[in-house]
Amino acid sequence: MMTQFLYKILRFSGLPIIFREWIQRNKVTILMLHDIDPESARKSFAYLKSRYNFYSLKAYSDALRSGKGDTIPEKALIVTFDDGHKGNFKLLPLLKQYNIPATIFLCAGVVDTNRHYWFKHDYAQKLPNGIKHLKNSERLSLLEKYGYSSVQEYPVRHAMRSNEIKAMQEVVDFQAHTVFHPCLPTCSEKEEIAEIRESKHMLEEKFDLDVYAIAYPNGDYSDRTVEISRSSGYQCGVTVDYGYNTLASDPFRLKRLSINDTGDLNELIVKASGLWGFLKTRNGKKNGYTPAIVH
């Protein structure tokens, strides 16, 4: 309740308007969602359409490559979703209605299966808060003790099906989010190469996609991550580092703002403007998320 009250105060302080009209006007803002419900999405999309100009990640990637910003509108807003949750398919009518060229980053080893995202599996106990900081091999061993396997097929699916992905392709740009959503800097070099390269290959082969972008799971990446992504044929990579983007941005370190799948319009307005992330960075907090806690 206190946080919701704070969002309301910040919204009506006028600061989001200042951020939007002065800072975001000549920047490219990328928003990050995951599995927002249709009613919350309807309210969010209606507000965003009235204040920003929806823009596609592909158009921005092309602008970065050419160095020409002719296609970038004022207050450009790119809407992205991470993981490929099955609930994303329910948003198709809204994406069409509001003409949103959204990007959904898919975990190639989870979509079109009954496998589970490791951070959403039904564990008997809550996962340790520091689990994503373990070495990838140690994390997988610990998850096995909780009864989870990345390749096991479960009764209930977490991710989108092939037919859903194909149905959304007319309006949605599907890109890569690795194979099984590890924290890439905790992987061995061999593991990281496989996660980055195989996700691109699998999505292109199975769904006939043009995969040019990758979203780093949890927003965590290293210089090695960037080099592997570049050498694997990607044109850009998105993080959850706080901030906005321009033609001078590093294509493999694009910044995003998390709006937390919120149904609270006050929260949406504050977060979409970048005000919330700005305040968090001033407190020394990363503008990202911890899967074991948030999902």
Protein backbone atom coordinates (compact mmCIF):
# COMPACT_ATOMS: atom_id res chain seq x y z
CA MET A 1 0.00 0.00 0.00
CA MET A 2 2.77 2.44 0.86
CA THR A 3 4.48 1.82 -2.48
CA GLN A 4 1.22 2.34 -4.36
CA PHE A 5 0.70 5.60 -2.48
CA LEU A 6 4.22 6.66 -3.44
CA TYR A 7 3.52 5.93 -7.12
CA LYS A 8 0.44 8.16 -6.89
CA ILE A 9 2.39 10.99 -5.29
CA LEU A 10 5.11 10.74 -7.91
CA ARG A 11 2.61 10.62 -10.75
CA PHE A 12 0.86 13.82 -9.69
CA SER A 13 4.11 15.57 -8.81
CA GLY A 14 4.49 16.39 -12.47
CA LEU A 15 7.91 14.73 -12.65
CA PRO A 16 6.83 12.00 -15.11
CA ILE A 17 5.69 14.74 -17.50
CA ILE A 18 9.07 16.46 -17.21
CA PHE A 19 10.89 13.18 -17.88
CA ARG A 20 8.64 12.36 -20.82
CA GLU A 21 8.59 15.75 -22.52
CA TRP A 22 12.19 16.78 -21.87
CA ILE A 23 14.29 13.64 -21.55
CA GLN A 24 12.39 11.01 -23.52
CA ARG A 25 11.34 13.29 -26.36
CA ASN A 26 14.53 12.74 -28.37
CA LYS A 27 15.38 9.31 -26.99
CA VAL A 28 14.31 5.74 -27.70
CA THR A 29 12.71 4.15 -24.65
CA ILE A 30 12.53 0.34 -24.44
CA LEU A 31 10.03 -1.14 -21.98
CA MET A 32 10.30 -4.64 -20.51
CA LEU A 33 7.31 -6.77 -19.62
CA HIS A 34 6.91 -10.49 -19.01
CA ASP A 35 3.42 -11.94 -18.55
CA ILE A 36 0.99 -9.05 -18.13
CA ASP A 37 -2.72 -9.97 -18.05
CA PRO A 38 -4.99 -8.64 -20.82
CA GLU A 39 -6.95 -6.18 -18.65
CA SER A 40 -3.78 -4.59 -17.25
CA ALA A 41 -2.31 -4.59 -20.75
CA ARG A 42 -5.37 -2.81 -22.13
CA LYS A 43 -5.04 0.04 -19.65
CA SER A 44 -1.28 0.22 -20.14
CA PHE A 45 -1.38 0.17 -23.94
CA ALA A 46 -4.13 2.82 -24.08
CA TYR A 47 -2.10 5.19 -21.89
CA LEU A 48 1.18 4.56 -23.71
CA LYS A 49 -0.41 5.11 -27.12
CA SER A 50 -1.77 8.48 -25.96
CA ARG A 51 1.63 9.71 -24.76
CA TYR A 52 4.29 7.97 -26.88
CA ASN A 53 4.91 6.76 -30.41
CA PHE A 54 5.25 3.01 -30.70
CA TYR A 55 8.38 1.97 -32.58
CA SER A 56 9.84 -1.39 -33.53
CA LEU A 57 13.09 -2.88 -32.31
CA LYS A 58 13.92 -3.90 -35.89
CA ALA A 59 13.57 -0.32 -37.15
CA TYR A 60 15.76 0.92 -34.32
CA SER A 61 18.36 -1.79 -34.94
CA ASP A 62 18.46 -0.80 -38.61
CA ALA A 63 18.84 2.86 -37.63
CA LEU A 64 21.76 2.00 -35.37
CA ARG A 65 23.46 0.13 -38.21
CA SER A 66 22.94 2.92 -40.76
CA GLY A 67 23.52 5.79 -38.35
CA LYS A 68 20.43 7.50 -39.73
CA GLY A 69 17.63 8.49 -37.40
CA ASP A 70 15.07 9.57 -40.01
CA THR A 71 12.66 6.81 -39.00
CA ILE A 72 12.85 7.47 -35.26
CA PRO A 73 9.80 9.42 -34.05
CA GLU A 74 9.75 11.73 -31.05
CA LYS A 75 9.13 9.90 -27.76
CA ALA A 76 9.81 6.59 -29.49
CA LEU A 77 8.69 3.62 -27.40
CA ILE A 78 9.64 -0.02 -28.00
CA VAL A 79 7.56 -2.65 -26.16
CA THR A 80 9.31 -5.92 -25.35
CA PHE A 81 8.37 -9.11 -23.49
CA ASP A 82 10.87 -11.59 -22.06
CA ASP A 83 10.64 -15.41 -22.01
CA GLY A 84 7.66 -16.28 -24.25
CA HIS A 85 5.02 -17.02 -21.61
CA LYS A 86 1.84 -18.73 -22.81
CA GLY A 87 -0.20 -15.77 -21.57
CA ASN A 88 1.42 -13.54 -24.19
CA PHE A 89 -0.82 -15.08 -26.85
CA LYS A 90 -3.90 -13.55 -25.21
CA LEU A 91 -2.46 -10.11 -25.97
CA LEU A 92 -2.63 -10.53 -29.74
CA PRO A 93 -5.97 -8.68 -30.18
CA LEU A 94 -4.67 -5.77 -28.10
CA LEU A 95 -1.39 -5.57 -29.98
CA LYS A 96 -3.41 -5.37 -33.20
CA GLN A 97 -5.88 -2.86 -31.77
CA TYR A 98 -3.19 -0.47 -30.58
CA ASN A 99 -0.88 -1.18 -33.53
CA ILE A 100 2.07 -2.13 -31.33
CA PRO A 101 5.08 -3.67 -33.13
CA ALA A 102 6.13 -5.57 -30.00
CA THR A 103 9.12 -7.85 -29.62
CA ILE A 104 8.91 -11.10 -27.64
CA PHE A 105 12.20 -12.70 -26.63
CA LEU A 106 11.84 -16.50 -26.62
CA CYS A 107 13.66 -19.14 -24.60
CA ALA A 108 14.26 -21.52 -27.49
CA GLY A 109 14.45 -24.65 -25.36
CA VAL A 110 11.20 -23.95 -23.52
CA VAL A 111 8.75 -22.65 -26.14
CA ASP A 112 6.60 -25.24 -27.91
CA THR A 113 7.22 -27.77 -25.11
CA ASN A 114 5.83 -28.61 -21.68
CA ARG A 115 9.16 -27.74 -20.09
CA HIS A 116 9.21 -25.18 -17.33
CA TYR A 117 11.04 -21.93 -16.78
CA TRP A 118 13.28 -22.72 -13.84
CA PHE A 119 12.19 -19.57 -12.00
CA LYS A 120 8.47 -20.41 -12.31
CA HIS A 121 8.51 -24.11 -11.47
CA ASP A 122 6.40 -25.27 -8.50
CA TYR A 123 9.09 -25.84 -5.90
CA ALA A 124 8.28 -27.38 -2.53
CA GLN A 125 10.47 -24.68 -0.99
CA LYS A 126 11.29 -21.17 -2.07
CA LEU A 127 14.49 -20.92 -4.04
CA PRO A 128 17.47 -19.38 -2.23
CA ASN A 129 17.69 -15.66 -2.98
CA GLY A 130 21.26 -15.96 -4.22
CA ILE A 131 20.65 -18.85 -6.60
CA LYS A 132 21.17 -16.83 -9.77
CA HIS A 133 24.66 -15.88 -8.60
CA LEU A 134 25.82 -19.50 -8.39
CA LYS A 135 27.89 -21.01 -11.17
CA ASN A 136 25.50 -22.32 -13.80
CA SER A 137 26.47 -25.94 -13.13
CA GLU A 138 25.93 -25.46 -9.39
CA ARG A 139 22.54 -23.83 -9.97
CA LEU A 140 21.39 -26.72 -12.13
CA SER A 141 22.57 -29.26 -9.54
CA LEU A 142 20.69 -27.43 -6.80
CA LEU A 143 17.53 -27.25 -8.90
CA GLU A 144 17.70 -31.01 -9.44
CA LYS A 145 17.57 -31.45 -5.69
CA TYR A 146 14.34 -29.43 -5.75
CA GLY A 147 12.99 -31.83 -8.36
CA TYR A 148 13.48 -29.66 -11.43
CA SER A 149 15.00 -30.61 -14.77
CA SER A 150 15.33 -28.23 -17.70
CA VAL A 151 14.44 -30.94 -20.22
CA GLN A 152 11.57 -32.60 -18.34
CA GLU A 153 8.09 -32.37 -19.83
CA TYR A 154 5.53 -31.40 -17.18
CA PRO A 155 1.72 -31.76 -17.22
CA VAL A 156 1.18 -28.01 -17.53
CA ARG A 157 3.10 -25.82 -19.95
CA HIS A 158 4.66 -22.45 -19.20
CA ALA A 159 5.45 -21.25 -22.72
CA MET A 160 3.83 -20.47 -26.03
CA ARG A 161 3.10 -23.14 -28.61
CA SER A 162 4.33 -23.14 -32.19
CA ASN A 163 0.89 -22.33 -33.62
CA GLU A 164 0.59 -19.35 -31.24
CA ILE A 165 3.98 -18.02 -32.27
CA LYS A 166 3.09 -18.35 -35.93
CA ALA A 167 -0.27 -16.63 -35.40
CA MET A 168 1.42 -13.66 -33.73
CA GLN A 169 4.15 -13.20 -36.32
CA GLU A 170 2.05 -10.76 -38.33
CA VAL A 171 2.41 -8.18 -35.58
CA VAL A 172 5.10 -9.51 -33.21
CA ASP A 173 8.84 -9.65 -33.78
CA PHE A 174 10.18 -12.82 -32.10
CA GLN A 175 13.80 -12.78 -30.97
CA ALA A 176 16.18 -14.79 -28.77
CA HIS A 177 16.39 -15.09 -24.99
CA THR A 178 18.91 -17.97 -24.88
CA VAL A 179 17.89 -21.64 -24.69
CA PHE A 180 17.10 -22.19 -21.00
CA HIS A 181 17.44 -18.74 -19.39
CA PRO A 182 20.69 -19.08 -17.41
CA CYS A 183 22.52 -16.12 -15.91
CA LEU A 184 25.08 -15.86 -18.70
CA PRO A 185 28.08 -14.53 -16.70
CA THR A 186 27.81 -17.59 -14.42
CA CYS A 187 28.17 -19.98 -17.35
CA SER A 188 31.41 -21.50 -18.56
CA GLU A 189 32.51 -20.14 -21.93
CA LYS A 190 31.31 -23.34 -23.61
CA GLU A 191 27.91 -23.12 -21.91
CA GLU A 192 27.51 -19.46 -22.79
CA ILE A 193 28.39 -20.01 -26.45
CA ALA A 194 25.85 -22.83 -26.65
CA GLU A 195 23.09 -20.80 -24.99
CA ILE A 196 23.60 -17.79 -27.25
CA ARG A 197 24.32 -19.48 -30.57
CA GLU A 198 21.90 -22.38 -30.25
CA SER A 199 18.97 -20.15 -29.33
CA LYS A 200 19.41 -18.23 -32.58
CA HIS A 201 19.81 -21.39 -34.63
CA MET A 202 16.86 -23.19 -33.01
CA LEU A 203 14.45 -20.29 -33.47
CA GLU A 204 15.46 -19.69 -37.08
CA GLU A 205 15.20 -23.37 -37.98
CA LYS A 206 11.96 -24.19 -36.18
CA PHE A 207 9.97 -21.01 -36.71
CA ASP A 208 11.63 -19.53 -39.80
CA LEU A 209 12.46 -16.34 -37.91
CA ASP A 210 14.98 -13.62 -38.68
CA VAL A 211 16.80 -13.58 -35.34
CA TYR A 212 18.95 -10.45 -35.04
CA ALA A 213 18.50 -9.55 -31.35
CA ILE A 214 19.06 -11.17 -27.97
CA ALA A 215 17.80 -10.21 -24.51
CA TYR A 216 20.26 -11.24 -21.81
CA PRO A 217 18.43 -13.25 -19.11
CA ASN A 218 18.05 -11.28 -15.88
CA GLY A 219 19.76 -8.46 -17.75
CA ASP A 220 23.10 -9.91 -16.68
CA TYR A 221 25.94 -9.85 -19.18
CA SER A 222 29.68 -9.44 -19.47
CA ASP A 223 32.14 -8.34 -22.13
CA ARG A 224 32.37 -12.01 -23.11
CA THR A 225 28.58 -12.13 -23.52
CA VAL A 226 28.70 -9.17 -25.87
CA GLU A 227 31.52 -10.64 -27.96
CA ILE A 228 29.83 -14.04 -28.25
CA SER A 229 26.56 -12.38 -29.25
CA ARG A 230 28.27 -10.26 -31.88
CA SER A 231 30.25 -13.17 -33.31
CA SER A 232 27.11 -15.34 -33.36
CA GLY A 233 25.45 -13.03 -35.86
CA TYR A 234 23.24 -10.87 -33.66
CA GLN A 235 22.91 -7.18 -34.47
CA CYS A 236 21.95 -6.01 -31.00
CA GLY A 237 21.44 -7.07 -27.40
CA VAL A 238 19.14 -5.63 -24.74
CA THR A 239 19.88 -5.35 -21.03
CA VAL A 240 17.93 -4.12 -18.03
CA ASP A 241 20.46 -1.36 -17.39
CA TYR A 242 18.58 1.82 -16.55
CA GLY A 243 18.24 4.53 -19.15
CA TYR A 244 17.22 5.53 -22.64
CA ASN A 245 18.79 5.00 -26.04
CA THR A 246 20.01 7.12 -28.96
CA LEU A 247 21.79 6.64 -32.28
CA ALA A 248 25.03 6.69 -30.29
CA SER A 249 24.04 3.76 -28.05
CA ASP A 250 26.07 0.56 -28.00
CA PRO A 251 23.87 -1.88 -29.99
CA PHE A 252 24.78 -4.72 -27.60
CA ARG A 253 24.12 -2.78 -24.41
CA LEU A 254 20.70 -1.29 -25.10
CA LYS A 255 18.92 -0.02 -21.99
CA ARG A 256 15.42 -0.93 -20.85
CA LEU A 257 12.87 0.16 -18.26
CA SER A 258 10.96 -2.52 -16.35
CA ILE A 259 7.27 -1.75 -15.73
CA ASN A 260 6.69 -4.97 -13.78
CA ASP A 261 3.51 -6.18 -15.62
CA THR A 262 1.60 -3.69 -13.52
CA GLY A 263 -2.12 -3.05 -13.57
CA ASP A 264 -1.65 0.12 -11.53
CA LEU A 265 -1.77 3.11 -13.86
CA ASN A 266 0.15 5.27 -11.40
CA GLU A 267 2.99 2.74 -11.34
CA LEU A 268 2.97 2.46 -15.13
CA ILE A 269 3.21 6.22 -15.63
CA VAL A 270 6.05 6.59 -13.13
CA LYS A 271 8.03 3.63 -14.46
CA ALA A 272 7.47 4.20 -18.19
CA SER A 273 8.80 7.74 -17.84
CA GLY A 274 12.01 6.42 -16.30
CA LEU A 275 11.45 8.35 -13.08
CA TRP A 276 11.29 5.22 -10.92
CA GLY A 277 14.47 3.78 -12.41
CA PHE A 278 16.19 7.14 -11.93
CA LEU A 279 15.31 7.15 -8.23
CA LYS A 280 16.44 3.54 -7.82
CA THR A 281 19.81 4.20 -9.44
CA ARG A 282 20.30 7.10 -7.07
CA ASN A 283 19.86 4.57 -4.25
CA GLY A 284 22.43 2.26 -5.81
CA LYS A 285 19.92 -0.33 -7.03
CA LYS A 286 19.98 -2.01 -10.42
CA ASN A 287 16.96 -1.40 -12.66
CA GLY A 288 16.50 -5.12 -13.16
CA TYR A 289 14.82 -8.08 -11.52
CA THR A 290 15.65 -11.30 -9.76
CA PRO A 291 13.70 -14.17 -11.35
CA ALA A 292 13.47 -16.25 -8.18
CA ILE A 293 11.75 -13.35 -6.45
CA VAL A 294 9.73 -11.57 -9.10
CA HIS A 295 8.40 -14.47 -11.16
